[in-house]
Amino acid sequence: MISSFRPGPGLRQPDPGQREGLKLGKETMNTALEEKRLLTSREAAEVLRVHVETVRTWAKKGYIGRKLGGVWRFRQDELGEFTRKRNGDG
């Protein structure tokens, strides 16, 4: 006897209105995920408004970033915190 597969409650597709993000208080899941997105060295340099080699130097010294798969990656929130500390705001 072959039974038909019925997905449980956690496997349902989101409603079309939910595709823009689920509400988490004042922020959406998409916003929360964007803040956790990993940036490349070039993207981090644009955020910090410095040359990409400066970002790589800071990464090698352990100030920011981490190596994943042999390449440097940077969290957006980490860069913001680094900037505040560098500017003496935190």
Protein backbone atom coordinates (compact mmCIF):
# COMPACT_ATOMS: atom_id res chain seq x y z
CA MET A 1 0.00 0.00 0.00
CA ILE A 2 1.42 3.38 -1.00
CA SER A 3 0.66 6.28 1.28
CA SER A 4 0.62 9.82 0.01
CA PHE A 5 3.08 12.27 1.53
CA ARG A 6 1.55 15.09 3.53
CA PRO A 7 3.94 17.74 4.80
CA GLY A 8 3.75 18.61 8.47
CA PRO A 9 3.05 22.14 9.67
CA GLY A 10 6.73 23.16 9.43
CA LEU A 11 6.96 22.19 5.76
CA ARG A 12 4.20 24.34 4.29
CA GLN A 13 4.96 27.00 1.73
CA PRO A 14 4.57 30.57 3.03
CA ASP A 15 1.57 32.59 1.96
CA PRO A 16 2.32 35.04 -0.88
CA GLY A 17 1.88 37.95 1.55
CA GLN A 18 4.60 36.54 3.78
CA ARG A 19 7.29 36.47 1.10
CA GLU A 20 8.43 39.97 2.05
CA GLY A 21 9.34 38.81 5.57
CA LEU A 22 7.71 37.71 8.76
CA LYS A 23 7.16 40.33 11.43
CA LEU A 24 9.54 40.21 14.39
CA GLY A 25 8.43 43.18 16.42
CA LYS A 26 9.40 46.32 14.51
CA GLU A 27 11.77 44.58 12.13
CA THR A 28 11.25 41.87 9.55
CA MET A 29 13.09 38.60 9.15
CA ASN A 30 14.56 39.89 5.89
CA THR A 31 16.08 42.88 7.70
CA ALA A 32 17.45 40.61 10.42
CA LEU A 33 18.97 38.29 7.81
CA GLU A 34 20.47 41.22 5.90
CA GLU A 35 22.29 42.35 9.04
CA LYS A 36 23.82 38.87 9.38
CA ARG A 37 24.88 38.65 5.72
CA LEU A 38 28.58 38.10 5.20
CA LEU A 39 30.38 40.70 3.11
CA THR A 40 33.43 40.31 0.90
CA SER A 41 36.61 42.32 1.48
CA ARG A 42 35.60 44.71 -1.29
CA GLU A 43 32.11 45.23 0.18
CA ALA A 44 33.59 45.74 3.65
CA ALA A 45 35.98 48.35 2.22
CA GLU A 46 33.02 50.23 0.72
CA VAL A 47 31.16 50.16 4.05
CA LEU A 48 34.24 51.34 5.98
CA ARG A 49 35.27 53.79 3.23
CA VAL A 50 38.84 52.51 3.12
CA HIS A 51 40.97 50.68 0.56
CA VAL A 52 40.42 46.93 0.27
CA GLU A 53 44.04 46.27 1.33
CA THR A 54 43.39 48.18 4.57
CA VAL A 55 40.46 45.85 5.27
CA ARG A 56 42.66 42.81 4.61
CA THR A 57 45.39 44.18 6.88
CA TRP A 58 42.89 44.75 9.72
CA ALA A 59 41.54 41.23 9.15
CA LYS A 60 45.01 39.66 9.31
CA LYS A 61 45.62 41.53 12.59
CA GLY A 62 42.37 40.08 13.94
CA TYR A 63 40.46 43.36 14.26
CA ILE A 64 37.60 42.32 11.96
CA GLY A 65 36.39 39.40 9.90
CA ARG A 66 37.05 35.72 9.74
CA LYS A 67 38.33 33.35 7.08
CA LEU A 68 35.78 30.98 5.61
CA GLY A 69 36.89 28.59 2.92
CA GLY A 70 40.17 30.46 2.55
CA VAL A 71 38.57 33.87 1.92
CA TRP A 72 37.87 36.74 4.28
CA ARG A 73 34.24 37.44 5.22
CA PHE A 74 32.83 40.27 7.35
CA ARG A 75 29.54 40.76 9.19
CA GLN A 76 27.79 44.10 8.65
CA ASP A 77 27.09 44.55 12.39
CA GLU A 78 30.73 43.74 13.20
CA LEU A 79 31.89 46.50 10.85
CA GLY A 80 29.53 48.99 12.49
CA GLU A 81 30.86 48.11 15.93
CA PHE A 82 34.46 48.35 14.68
CA THR A 83 33.75 51.80 13.20
CA ARG A 84 32.22 53.06 16.46
CA LYS A 85 35.23 51.85 18.47
CA ARG A 86 37.66 53.28 15.92
CA ASN A 87 35.91 56.67 16.12
CA GLY A 88 35.83 56.60 19.92
CA ASP A 89 32.04 56.29 20.12
CA GLY A 90 31.95 52.97 21.90
